[in-house]
């Protein structure tokens, strides 16, 4: 009986399971944090995608870049001090 109690108290058979539970808990907390921070953006992305797949006209909420008309592929890497671009 003493040997059974000693083996029961000194056994490390559940150590791996508890480590995996800790890792799963940390991953769950990280996932909750990501959804909390980026939840609205993710919802908008998926709603736009589903609207497009359904054939509805999706409204583009992205901001358009301001591009100067004088820029093209021939003078892309050149700086013009007079115009500031």
C-alpha atoms as a PDB file:
ATOM      1  CA  UNK A   1       0.000   0.000   0.000  1.00  0.00           C
ATOM      2  CA  UNK A   2       2.837   2.382   0.836  1.00  0.00           C
ATOM      3  CA  UNK A   3       4.485   1.686  -2.475  1.00  0.00           C
ATOM      4  CA  UNK A   4       1.211   2.458  -4.302  1.00  0.00           C
ATOM      5  CA  UNK A   5       0.812   5.830  -2.536  1.00  0.00           C
ATOM      6  CA  UNK A   6       4.487   6.715  -3.155  1.00  0.00           C
ATOM      7  CA  UNK A   7       4.168   5.846  -6.848  1.00  0.00           C
ATOM      8  CA  UNK A   8       0.959   7.842  -7.075  1.00  0.00           C
ATOM      9  CA  UNK A   9       2.525  10.978  -5.556  1.00  0.00           C
ATOM     10  CA  UNK A  10       5.839  10.775  -7.434  1.00  0.00           C
ATOM     11  CA  UNK A  11       4.394   9.834 -10.800  1.00  0.00           C
ATOM     12  CA  UNK A  12       4.976  12.264 -13.692  1.00  0.00           C
ATOM     13  CA  UNK A  13       2.601  10.615 -16.150  1.00  0.00           C
ATOM     14  CA  UNK A  14       0.292  13.664 -16.406  1.00  0.00           C
ATOM     15  CA  UNK A  15       3.072  16.203 -16.904  1.00  0.00           C
ATOM     16  CA  UNK A  16       2.915  16.161 -20.719  1.00  0.00           C
ATOM     17  CA  UNK A  17      -0.839  16.615 -20.717  1.00  0.00           C
ATOM     18  CA  UNK A  18      -0.681  19.624 -18.420  1.00  0.00           C
ATOM     19  CA  UNK A  19       2.018  21.232 -20.602  1.00  0.00           C
ATOM     20  CA  UNK A  20      -0.154  20.783 -23.675  1.00  0.00           C
ATOM     21  CA  UNK A  21      -3.112  22.301 -21.839  1.00  0.00           C
ATOM     22  CA  UNK A  22      -1.028  25.354 -20.953  1.00  0.00           C
ATOM     23  CA  UNK A  23       0.043  25.752 -24.601  1.00  0.00           C
ATOM     24  CA  UNK A  24      -3.558  25.432 -25.826  1.00  0.00           C
ATOM     25  CA  UNK A  25      -4.672  28.020 -23.273  1.00  0.00           C
ATOM     26  CA  UNK A  26      -1.983  30.465 -24.423  1.00  0.00           C
ATOM     27  CA  UNK A  27      -2.945  29.987 -28.064  1.00  0.00           C
ATOM     28  CA  UNK A  28      -6.602  30.590 -27.175  1.00  0.00           C
ATOM     29  CA  UNK A  29      -5.751  33.809 -25.314  1.00  0.00           C
ATOM     30  CA  UNK A  30      -3.647  34.988 -28.270  1.00  0.00           C
ATOM     31  CA  UNK A  31      -6.480  34.212 -30.715  1.00  0.00           C
ATOM     32  CA  UNK A  32      -8.968  36.124 -28.569  1.00  0.00           C
ATOM     33  CA  UNK A  33      -6.580  39.077 -28.478  1.00  0.00           C
ATOM     34  CA  UNK A  34      -6.149  39.085 -32.260  1.00  0.00           C
ATOM     35  CA  UNK A  35      -9.903  38.901 -32.848  1.00  0.00           C
ATOM     36  CA  UNK A  36     -10.446  41.710 -30.357  1.00  0.00           C
ATOM     37  CA  UNK A  37      -7.924  43.982 -32.064  1.00  0.00           C
ATOM     38  CA  UNK A  38      -8.668  43.128 -35.709  1.00  0.00           C
ATOM     39  CA  UNK A  39     -12.273  41.912 -35.418  1.00  0.00           C
ATOM     40  CA  UNK A  40     -13.928  44.797 -37.237  1.00  0.00           C
ATOM     41  CA  UNK A  41     -11.448  44.687 -40.118  1.00  0.00           C
ATOM     42  CA  UNK A  42     -11.860  40.934 -40.469  1.00  0.00           C
ATOM     43  CA  UNK A  43     -15.658  41.248 -40.486  1.00  0.00           C
ATOM     44  CA  UNK A  44     -15.521  43.950 -43.172  1.00  0.00           C
ATOM     45  CA  UNK A  45     -13.150  41.851 -45.254  1.00  0.00           C
ATOM     46  CA  UNK A  46     -15.384  38.791 -45.104  1.00  0.00           C
ATOM     47  CA  UNK A  47     -18.575  40.775 -45.730  1.00  0.00           C
ATOM     48  CA  UNK A  48     -17.018  42.370 -48.808  1.00  0.00           C
ATOM     49  CA  UNK A  49     -15.917  38.981 -50.055  1.00  0.00           C
ATOM     50  CA  UNK A  50     -19.313  37.387 -49.520  1.00  0.00           C
ATOM     51  CA  UNK A  51     -21.044  40.341 -51.187  1.00  0.00           C
ATOM     52  CA  UNK A  52     -18.782  39.962 -54.210  1.00  0.00           C
ATOM     53  CA  UNK A  53     -19.433  36.232 -54.391  1.00  0.00           C
ATOM     54  CA  UNK A  54     -23.166  36.867 -54.159  1.00  0.00           C
ATOM     55  CA  UNK A  55     -22.971  39.224 -57.134  1.00  0.00           C
ATOM     56  CA  UNK A  56     -23.700  42.402 -55.205  1.00  0.00           C
ATOM     57  CA  UNK A  57     -21.838  45.604 -55.937  1.00  0.00           C
ATOM     58  CA  UNK A  58     -19.277  45.882 -53.143  1.00  0.00           C
ATOM     59  CA  UNK A  59     -18.396  49.308 -51.854  1.00  0.00           C
ATOM     60  CA  UNK A  60     -14.669  49.838 -51.698  1.00  0.00           C
ATOM     61  CA  UNK A  61     -13.747  51.403 -48.367  1.00  0.00           C
ATOM     62  CA  UNK A  62     -10.034  51.586 -49.099  1.00  0.00           C
ATOM     63  CA  UNK A  63      -8.445  54.989 -49.512  1.00  0.00           C
ATOM     64  CA  UNK A  64      -7.081  55.705 -52.940  1.00  0.00           C
ATOM     65  CA  UNK A  65      -3.491  56.824 -53.264  1.00  0.00           C
ATOM     66  CA  UNK A  66      -2.825  60.323 -54.546  1.00  0.00           C
ATOM     67  CA  UNK A  67      -0.703  59.938 -57.655  1.00  0.00           C
ATOM     68  CA  UNK A  68       0.823  62.855 -59.472  1.00  0.00           C
ATOM     69  CA  UNK A  69      -0.019  62.941 -63.148  1.00  0.00           C
ATOM     70  CA  UNK A  70       3.586  63.630 -64.159  1.00  0.00           C
ATOM     71  CA  UNK A  71       4.828  60.278 -62.837  1.00  0.00           C
ATOM     72  CA  UNK A  72       5.075  57.327 -65.193  1.00  0.00           C
ATOM     73  CA  UNK A  73       7.379  54.362 -65.672  1.00  0.00           C
ATOM     74  CA  UNK A  74       9.942  56.362 -67.656  1.00  0.00           C
ATOM     75  CA  UNK A  75      10.617  58.947 -64.911  1.00  0.00           C
ATOM     76  CA  UNK A  76       9.660  56.882 -61.859  1.00  0.00           C
ATOM     77  CA  UNK A  77      13.023  56.873 -60.068  1.00  0.00           C
ATOM     78  CA  UNK A  78      13.977  60.470 -60.883  1.00  0.00           C
ATOM     79  CA  UNK A  79      13.491  63.349 -58.468  1.00  0.00           C
ATOM     80  CA  UNK A  80      12.321  66.692 -59.770  1.00  0.00           C
ATOM     81  CA  UNK A  81      13.131  69.465 -57.305  1.00  0.00           C
ATOM     82  CA  UNK A  82      10.992  72.030 -59.114  1.00  0.00           C
ATOM     83  CA  UNK A  83       7.747  70.095 -58.725  1.00  0.00           C
ATOM     84  CA  UNK A  84       8.678  68.356 -55.468  1.00  0.00           C
ATOM     85  CA  UNK A  85       8.281  64.839 -56.747  1.00  0.00           C
END
